[in-house]
């Protein structure tokens, strides 16, 4: 693999990342409505960018998760993708696991920016962060100097925790020392606090995710693949990032399949060859082959055959089916919505893949009018441009 990409690929990768946001927003209105007949009744031939309404879910089976969201908003999948994008931007396009964990916890946890549905891997990951932190504090306290009083130990923990939650490594010593000096002038107490903070930091583990095999394992990958496209460490960073929220071997395997698919398409390889390479990483290759072998595009039938839920063993064959047979970005997004179920989760592979192939603004590409409908579109696309500006072309 080569780390430097031809300059002409920059436009395709830019389109691909934008295509993920558009696909998620387009799918939100009917997300988690499982009955294709009801989807067709509500959305007709153009089911994209409908306002999320509980009324849609009064017939057929479904789960209305997006109360308060508007046309153009993205799901929790898009929100999580934004968190990983922010972390990559803050680290010059490099994956820093501790930074990613802190941003994820801050964004989705109590007092964070997110207002909306919390999926199972996110909920358990947040619980795991708390448990990991408690264990780290206990391990650090066990090594504190014997001369400290119990009161001093409690206060030192209170002093250092705000800093261990947002800083790490060499960033800790100075602010921790200054914070403790406001209460304790003795240098030995200050140094004990620095030791406490650094020990907590060392015991904060990287594998914080839920034992979960659902779509959040792969939906956040497009910006990570863009940052590491063509680089030999792509699969290693993919696994590291996935285990932050989905600490499951099968989920990691599917994520590597998805990462290879996007990587090959971002680099300009043909769809068939990219799928062949991706399938080699998949834990269930037979279902992907079956999905590709069908005669024509039929998202509803694919959902009936493989499943419509959030589980990767159902979603990935549906994704492969739609990518194989759709002739345009719009056709792919509509087929995904008509399939039903977790359309927003699947959108984060279908949208970037189709946009990488077909671009933006062409007859088969992402419609310009769709780009404009994404909430805070200017900020989203600016961040995409900034992320790609951090890597070589």
Protein backbone atom coordinates (compact mmCIF):
# COMPACT_ATOMS: atom_id res chain seq x y z
CA UNK A 1 0.00 0.00 0.00
CA UNK A 2 1.11 3.58 -0.61
CA UNK A 3 0.44 6.45 1.77
CA UNK A 4 0.32 9.15 -0.91
CA UNK A 5 -2.70 9.14 -3.22
CA UNK A 6 -3.00 10.66 -6.69
CA UNK A 7 -4.31 14.21 -6.42
CA UNK A 8 -7.33 13.40 -8.57
CA UNK A 9 -8.67 11.08 -5.82
CA UNK A 10 -9.20 14.00 -3.45
CA UNK A 11 -12.44 15.04 -5.14
CA UNK A 12 -13.79 11.47 -5.04
CA UNK A 13 -13.00 11.04 -1.35
CA UNK A 14 -14.49 14.44 -0.56
CA UNK A 15 -17.66 13.39 -2.37
CA UNK A 16 -17.65 10.06 -0.54
CA UNK A 17 -17.54 11.61 2.91
CA UNK A 18 -20.25 14.11 2.02
CA UNK A 19 -22.26 11.22 0.61
CA UNK A 20 -22.38 9.56 4.01
CA UNK A 21 -23.91 12.59 5.70
CA UNK A 22 -26.44 13.02 2.90
CA UNK A 23 -27.45 9.35 2.96
CA UNK A 24 -28.02 9.36 6.72
CA UNK A 25 -30.06 12.56 6.64
CA UNK A 26 -32.08 11.32 3.67
CA UNK A 27 -32.97 8.12 5.53
CA UNK A 28 -33.89 9.56 8.93
CA UNK A 29 -37.60 10.12 8.34
CA UNK A 30 -38.38 6.41 7.92
CA UNK A 31 -35.53 4.96 9.96
CA UNK A 32 -36.43 1.76 11.83
CA UNK A 33 -39.75 1.34 10.05
CA UNK A 34 -39.59 -2.35 9.13
CA UNK A 35 -42.66 -2.78 6.97
CA UNK A 36 -41.83 -2.12 3.27
CA UNK A 37 -45.50 -1.72 2.39
CA UNK A 38 -45.88 1.04 4.96
CA UNK A 39 -42.68 2.70 3.72
CA UNK A 40 -44.04 2.69 0.17
CA UNK A 41 -47.38 4.03 1.40
CA UNK A 42 -45.75 6.94 3.25
CA UNK A 43 -42.77 7.69 1.01
CA UNK A 44 -43.78 6.51 -2.44
CA UNK A 45 -41.02 6.37 -5.03
CA UNK A 46 -39.06 9.21 -3.38
CA UNK A 47 -38.95 8.40 0.35
CA UNK A 48 -35.91 10.55 1.14
CA UNK A 49 -35.81 13.59 3.45
CA UNK A 50 -39.18 13.04 5.06
CA UNK A 51 -39.77 14.76 8.39
CA UNK A 52 -39.50 12.27 11.27
CA UNK A 53 -43.07 11.65 12.46
CA UNK A 54 -44.53 9.15 14.90
CA UNK A 55 -47.59 8.86 12.65
CA UNK A 56 -45.58 6.88 10.10
CA UNK A 57 -45.18 4.09 12.65
CA UNK A 58 -48.87 3.57 13.43
CA UNK A 59 -49.06 0.77 10.85
CA UNK A 60 -46.64 -2.12 10.51
CA UNK A 61 -43.76 -2.83 12.86
CA UNK A 62 -41.28 -0.10 13.64
CA UNK A 63 -39.60 1.97 16.32
CA UNK A 64 -39.82 5.76 16.26
CA UNK A 65 -36.54 6.95 17.76
CA UNK A 66 -36.16 10.48 16.43
CA UNK A 67 -38.70 12.67 18.18
CA UNK A 68 -37.64 16.31 17.90
CA UNK A 69 -35.45 15.82 14.83
CA UNK A 70 -36.05 17.81 11.65
CA UNK A 71 -35.57 17.29 7.92
CA UNK A 72 -31.84 17.29 7.22
CA UNK A 73 -30.77 16.11 10.66
CA UNK A 74 -28.65 12.98 10.96
CA UNK A 75 -29.10 10.03 13.27
CA UNK A 76 -26.94 9.00 16.22
CA UNK A 77 -24.76 7.25 13.62
CA UNK A 78 -23.94 10.58 12.02
CA UNK A 79 -23.38 12.18 15.41
CA UNK A 80 -20.84 9.50 16.30
CA UNK A 81 -19.14 9.91 12.93
CA UNK A 82 -18.82 13.58 13.72
CA UNK A 83 -17.12 12.79 17.05
CA UNK A 84 -14.49 10.63 15.34
CA UNK A 85 -14.02 13.30 12.67
CA UNK A 86 -13.43 15.93 15.35
CA UNK A 87 -10.84 13.71 17.03
CA UNK A 88 -9.02 13.12 13.76
CA UNK A 89 -9.05 16.84 13.03
CA UNK A 90 -7.62 17.62 16.46
CA UNK A 91 -4.75 15.17 15.87
CA UNK A 92 -3.73 16.11 12.32
CA UNK A 93 -5.59 13.20 10.79
CA UNK A 94 -4.16 10.61 13.19
CA UNK A 95 -6.18 8.30 15.41
CA UNK A 96 -5.56 9.04 19.10
CA UNK A 97 -7.63 6.51 21.03
CA UNK A 98 -7.63 8.36 24.33
CA UNK A 99 -8.68 11.58 22.64
CA UNK A 100 -11.42 9.74 20.74
CA UNK A 101 -12.65 8.09 23.94
CA UNK A 102 -12.75 11.38 25.82
CA UNK A 103 -14.64 13.14 23.03
CA UNK A 104 -17.10 10.27 22.69
CA UNK A 105 -17.80 10.24 26.42
CA UNK A 106 -18.11 14.01 26.59
CA UNK A 107 -20.44 14.22 23.58
CA UNK A 108 -22.82 11.36 24.40
CA UNK A 109 -22.51 11.29 28.19
CA UNK A 110 -24.32 13.35 30.84
CA UNK A 111 -24.15 17.05 30.08
CA UNK A 112 -22.96 16.37 26.54
CA UNK A 113 -24.12 17.89 23.29
CA UNK A 114 -26.13 14.95 21.98
CA UNK A 115 -29.92 15.05 22.30
CA UNK A 116 -31.49 11.97 20.83
CA UNK A 117 -31.50 8.20 20.71
CA UNK A 118 -28.68 6.30 22.44
CA UNK A 119 -28.00 2.89 20.91
CA UNK A 120 -26.94 -0.20 22.84
CA UNK A 121 -23.18 -0.07 22.11
CA UNK A 122 -23.07 3.64 22.99
CA UNK A 123 -24.97 3.10 26.24
CA UNK A 124 -22.74 0.21 27.31
CA UNK A 125 -19.59 2.04 26.21
CA UNK A 126 -20.54 4.96 28.45
CA UNK A 127 -21.10 2.53 31.33
CA UNK A 128 -17.75 0.91 30.59
CA UNK A 129 -15.97 4.27 30.68
CA UNK A 130 -17.24 4.79 34.21
CA UNK A 131 -16.23 1.28 35.30
CA UNK A 132 -12.77 1.60 33.71
CA UNK A 133 -12.27 4.93 35.43
CA UNK A 134 -13.30 3.53 38.84
CA UNK A 135 -10.84 0.66 38.49
CA UNK A 136 -8.11 3.05 37.40
CA UNK A 137 -8.70 5.26 40.44
CA UNK A 138 -8.63 2.26 42.78
CA UNK A 139 -5.37 1.04 41.25
CA UNK A 140 -3.86 4.50 41.51
CA UNK A 141 -4.96 5.00 45.10
CA UNK A 142 -3.26 1.76 46.08
CA UNK A 143 0.12 3.26 45.12
CA UNK A 144 -0.26 6.62 46.87
CA UNK A 145 2.29 7.57 49.57
CA UNK A 146 1.52 6.17 53.03
CA UNK A 147 1.95 9.54 54.73
CA UNK A 148 -1.18 11.06 53.21
CA UNK A 149 -4.33 11.28 55.30
CA UNK A 150 -7.59 9.78 54.04
CA UNK A 151 -8.96 13.30 53.65
CA UNK A 152 -5.98 14.30 51.50
CA UNK A 153 -6.40 11.22 49.33
CA UNK A 154 -10.08 12.00 48.70
CA UNK A 155 -9.34 15.63 47.86
CA UNK A 156 -6.52 14.68 45.52
CA UNK A 157 -8.85 12.38 43.60
CA UNK A 158 -11.37 15.22 43.32
CA UNK A 159 -8.61 17.55 42.14
CA UNK A 160 -7.17 15.31 39.43
CA UNK A 161 -10.32 13.82 37.90
CA UNK A 162 -11.30 16.83 35.75
CA UNK A 163 -7.83 16.67 34.18
CA UNK A 164 -7.59 12.91 33.60
CA UNK A 165 -10.92 13.14 31.76
CA UNK A 166 -9.57 15.57 29.16
CA UNK A 167 -5.76 15.30 29.22
CA UNK A 168 -3.19 12.49 29.18
CA UNK A 169 0.52 11.78 29.32
CA UNK A 170 2.80 14.79 29.60
CA UNK A 171 -0.17 17.17 29.50
CA UNK A 172 -1.20 16.27 33.04
CA UNK A 173 1.59 17.30 35.41
CA UNK A 174 1.48 21.11 35.24
CA UNK A 175 -2.29 21.74 35.46
CA UNK A 176 -2.70 19.05 38.14
CA UNK A 177 0.10 20.53 40.21
CA UNK A 178 -1.37 24.01 39.88
CA UNK A 179 -4.86 22.82 40.83
CA UNK A 180 -3.57 21.06 43.95
CA UNK A 181 -1.47 24.08 44.95
CA UNK A 182 -4.69 26.05 45.49
CA UNK A 183 -5.39 23.78 48.46
CA UNK A 184 -2.04 22.22 49.42
CA UNK A 185 1.21 24.18 49.27
CA UNK A 186 3.38 21.21 50.27
CA UNK A 187 5.31 19.96 47.25
CA UNK A 188 5.10 16.32 48.39
CA UNK A 189 1.30 16.47 48.34
CA UNK A 190 1.36 18.10 44.92
CA UNK A 191 3.69 15.42 43.59
CA UNK A 192 1.45 12.73 45.08
CA UNK A 193 -1.41 14.22 43.10
CA UNK A 194 0.61 14.25 39.89
CA UNK A 195 1.54 10.60 40.52
CA UNK A 196 -2.15 9.81 41.12
CA UNK A 197 -3.21 11.48 37.85
CA UNK A 198 -0.49 9.81 35.78
CA UNK A 199 -1.27 6.40 37.27
CA UNK A 200 -4.98 6.78 36.53
CA UNK A 201 -4.06 7.78 33.00
CA UNK A 202 -1.94 4.65 32.48
CA UNK A 203 -4.74 2.37 33.62
CA UNK A 204 -7.41 3.78 31.29
CA UNK A 205 -7.69 0.94 28.77
CA UNK A 206 -8.26 1.36 25.03
CA UNK A 207 -10.84 -1.42 24.57
CA UNK A 208 -13.85 0.30 26.11
CA UNK A 209 -16.62 -0.92 23.83
CA UNK A 210 -19.64 -3.14 24.24
CA UNK A 211 -19.63 -6.79 23.25
CA UNK A 212 -21.86 -5.91 20.32
CA UNK A 213 -22.11 -6.88 16.63
CA UNK A 214 -24.29 -4.06 15.31
CA UNK A 215 -23.85 -1.32 12.72
CA UNK A 216 -22.22 1.28 15.01
CA UNK A 217 -19.05 -0.78 14.57
CA UNK A 218 -18.79 0.23 10.91
CA UNK A 219 -20.88 3.38 10.49
CA UNK A 220 -18.13 5.70 11.80
CA UNK A 221 -15.44 4.35 9.46
CA UNK A 222 -15.58 6.70 6.41
CA UNK A 223 -13.53 9.57 7.90
CA UNK A 224 -11.03 7.12 9.41
CA UNK A 225 -10.59 5.34 6.07
CA UNK A 226 -10.18 8.71 4.35
CA UNK A 227 -7.42 9.63 6.80
CA UNK A 228 -5.59 6.29 6.40
CA UNK A 229 -6.55 5.41 2.82
CA UNK A 230 -3.71 3.55 1.11
CA UNK A 231 -1.69 3.23 4.32
CA UNK A 232 -0.42 -0.07 5.67
CA UNK A 233 -1.82 0.58 9.17
CA UNK A 234 -5.42 0.99 7.99
CA UNK A 235 -6.69 -2.32 9.38
CA UNK A 236 -4.87 -1.85 12.68
CA UNK A 237 -6.38 1.59 13.28
CA UNK A 238 -9.76 0.27 12.15
CA UNK A 239 -9.66 -2.40 14.84
CA UNK A 240 -8.46 0.06 17.48
CA UNK A 241 -11.23 2.54 16.67
CA UNK A 242 -13.94 -0.11 16.52
CA UNK A 243 -13.03 -1.57 19.90
CA UNK A 244 -13.67 1.82 21.50
CA UNK A 245 -17.42 1.22 21.00
CA UNK A 246 -17.71 -2.43 19.83
CA UNK A 247 -15.22 -4.71 21.57
CA UNK A 248 -16.24 -7.82 19.66
CA UNK A 249 -14.13 -9.94 17.29
CA UNK A 250 -16.93 -10.49 14.77
CA UNK A 251 -17.71 -6.78 14.68
CA UNK A 252 -14.03 -6.06 14.09
CA UNK A 253 -13.95 -8.55 11.21
CA UNK A 254 -16.96 -6.93 9.54
CA UNK A 255 -15.39 -3.52 10.12
CA UNK A 256 -12.22 -4.62 8.36
CA UNK A 257 -14.39 -5.82 5.47
CA UNK A 258 -16.06 -2.41 5.32
CA UNK A 259 -12.75 -0.56 5.63
CA UNK A 260 -11.19 -2.50 2.76
CA UNK A 261 -14.23 -1.84 0.58
CA UNK A 262 -14.09 1.91 1.20
CA UNK A 263 -10.31 2.04 0.94
CA UNK A 264 -10.30 0.36 -2.49
CA UNK A 265 -13.12 2.57 -3.77
CA UNK A 266 -11.52 5.72 -2.38
CA UNK A 267 -8.33 4.79 -4.24
CA UNK A 268 -10.24 4.42 -7.50
CA UNK A 269 -10.49 0.65 -7.80
CA UNK A 270 -13.53 -0.83 -9.54
CA UNK A 271 -16.50 -1.92 -7.46
CA UNK A 272 -16.24 -5.65 -8.25
CA UNK A 273 -12.55 -5.82 -7.37
CA UNK A 274 -13.11 -3.75 -4.21
CA UNK A 275 -15.88 -6.10 -3.11
CA UNK A 276 -13.71 -9.15 -3.77
CA UNK A 277 -10.95 -7.74 -1.58
CA UNK A 278 -13.42 -6.73 1.13
CA UNK A 279 -15.12 -10.13 1.13
CA UNK A 280 -11.80 -11.78 2.04
CA UNK A 281 -12.03 -10.00 5.44
CA UNK A 282 -15.67 -10.91 6.06
CA UNK A 283 -16.63 -13.53 8.67
CA UNK A 284 -19.53 -14.71 6.45
CA UNK A 285 -18.40 -14.58 2.83
CA UNK A 286 -21.18 -16.80 1.49
CA UNK A 287 -23.93 -14.30 2.29
CA UNK A 288 -22.04 -11.54 0.49
CA UNK A 289 -21.63 -13.72 -2.58
CA UNK A 290 -25.35 -14.54 -2.52
CA UNK A 291 -26.21 -10.85 -2.20
CA UNK A 292 -24.11 -9.97 -5.23
CA UNK A 293 -25.43 -12.84 -7.33
CA UNK A 294 -29.08 -11.79 -7.46
CA UNK A 295 -30.41 -10.79 -10.85
CA UNK A 296 -31.41 -7.18 -10.21
CA UNK A 297 -31.72 -4.47 -7.59
CA UNK A 298 -34.44 -5.22 -5.06
CA UNK A 299 -33.79 -3.72 -1.64
CA UNK A 300 -37.04 -5.04 -0.23
CA UNK A 301 -36.26 -8.62 -1.29
CA UNK A 302 -32.70 -8.30 0.03
CA UNK A 303 -34.06 -7.25 3.40
CA UNK A 304 -36.43 -10.20 3.36
CA UNK A 305 -33.60 -12.60 2.57
CA UNK A 306 -30.83 -11.32 4.82
CA UNK A 307 -32.63 -9.22 7.43
CA UNK A 308 -33.33 -5.56 8.10
CA UNK A 309 -32.04 -5.11 11.63
CA UNK A 310 -28.90 -3.46 12.94
CA UNK A 311 -26.84 -6.67 13.14
CA UNK A 312 -23.89 -6.73 10.80
CA UNK A 313 -24.54 -10.23 9.47
CA UNK A 314 -27.87 -8.90 8.15
CA UNK A 315 -26.82 -5.41 7.11
CA UNK A 316 -23.64 -6.18 5.22
CA UNK A 317 -25.23 -8.48 2.60
CA UNK A 318 -27.99 -5.91 2.03
CA UNK A 319 -25.31 -3.25 1.56
CA UNK A 320 -23.42 -5.44 -0.90
CA UNK A 321 -26.61 -6.20 -2.82
CA UNK A 322 -27.53 -2.53 -3.21
CA UNK A 323 -24.01 -1.47 -4.17
CA UNK A 324 -23.77 -4.26 -6.75
CA UNK A 325 -27.00 -3.44 -8.55
CA UNK A 326 -27.74 0.28 -8.07
CA UNK A 327 -26.86 2.43 -11.07
CA UNK A 328 -26.75 5.74 -9.25
CA UNK A 329 -26.43 7.33 -5.83
CA UNK A 330 -30.13 8.24 -5.72
CA UNK A 331 -31.21 4.75 -6.76
CA UNK A 332 -29.05 3.22 -4.03
CA UNK A 333 -30.33 5.52 -1.28
CA UNK A 334 -33.95 4.95 -2.25
CA UNK A 335 -33.47 1.17 -2.40
CA UNK A 336 -31.92 1.30 1.07
CA UNK A 337 -34.83 3.27 2.51
CA UNK A 338 -37.40 1.03 0.81
CA UNK A 339 -35.67 -2.01 2.31
CA UNK A 340 -36.64 -0.74 5.74
CA UNK A 341 -35.17 -1.32 9.18
CA UNK A 342 -31.82 0.22 9.97
CA UNK A 343 -31.54 2.32 6.85
CA UNK A 344 -29.49 5.05 8.58
CA UNK A 345 -26.86 2.58 9.73
CA UNK A 346 -26.51 1.01 6.28
CA UNK A 347 -26.44 4.49 4.72
CA UNK A 348 -22.98 5.12 6.15
CA UNK A 349 -21.46 2.53 3.82
CA UNK A 350 -23.85 2.80 0.88
CA UNK A 351 -23.64 6.60 0.68
CA UNK A 352 -19.83 6.93 0.75
CA UNK A 353 -19.32 3.97 -1.60
CA UNK A 354 -21.76 5.25 -4.23
CA UNK A 355 -20.48 8.82 -3.94
CA UNK A 356 -16.88 7.62 -4.34
CA UNK A 357 -17.93 5.90 -7.58
CA UNK A 358 -20.31 8.49 -9.02
CA UNK A 359 -19.19 11.78 -7.46
CA UNK A 360 -21.34 14.85 -6.89
CA UNK A 361 -23.61 16.67 -9.29
CA UNK A 362 -23.52 14.25 -12.19
CA UNK A 363 -26.60 12.41 -13.40
CA UNK A 364 -25.64 9.38 -11.31
CA UNK A 365 -23.95 11.21 -8.43
CA UNK A 366 -25.08 12.93 -5.25
CA UNK A 367 -27.64 15.59 -6.24
CA UNK A 368 -26.54 19.11 -5.36
CA UNK A 369 -29.99 19.77 -3.92
CA UNK A 370 -29.53 16.87 -1.52
CA UNK A 371 -26.18 18.23 -0.35
CA UNK A 372 -27.87 21.47 0.62
CA UNK A 373 -30.52 19.76 2.73
CA UNK A 374 -28.14 18.44 5.40
CA UNK A 375 -28.40 20.37 8.66
CA UNK A 376 -25.34 22.60 9.24
CA UNK A 377 -24.09 21.53 5.83
CA UNK A 378 -21.44 24.25 5.61
CA UNK A 379 -19.81 23.10 8.86
CA UNK A 380 -19.99 19.43 7.86
CA UNK A 381 -18.36 20.00 4.48
CA UNK A 382 -15.75 22.38 5.91
CA UNK A 383 -14.66 19.65 8.32
CA UNK A 384 -14.42 17.17 5.45
CA UNK A 385 -12.18 19.56 3.54
CA UNK A 386 -10.05 20.16 6.64
CA UNK A 387 -9.66 16.43 7.29
CA UNK A 388 -8.51 15.75 3.75
CA UNK A 389 -6.23 18.75 3.93
CA UNK A 390 -4.28 16.91 6.66
CA UNK A 391 -3.15 14.13 4.34
CA UNK A 392 -0.98 13.88 1.27
CA UNK A 393 -2.34 13.69 -2.27
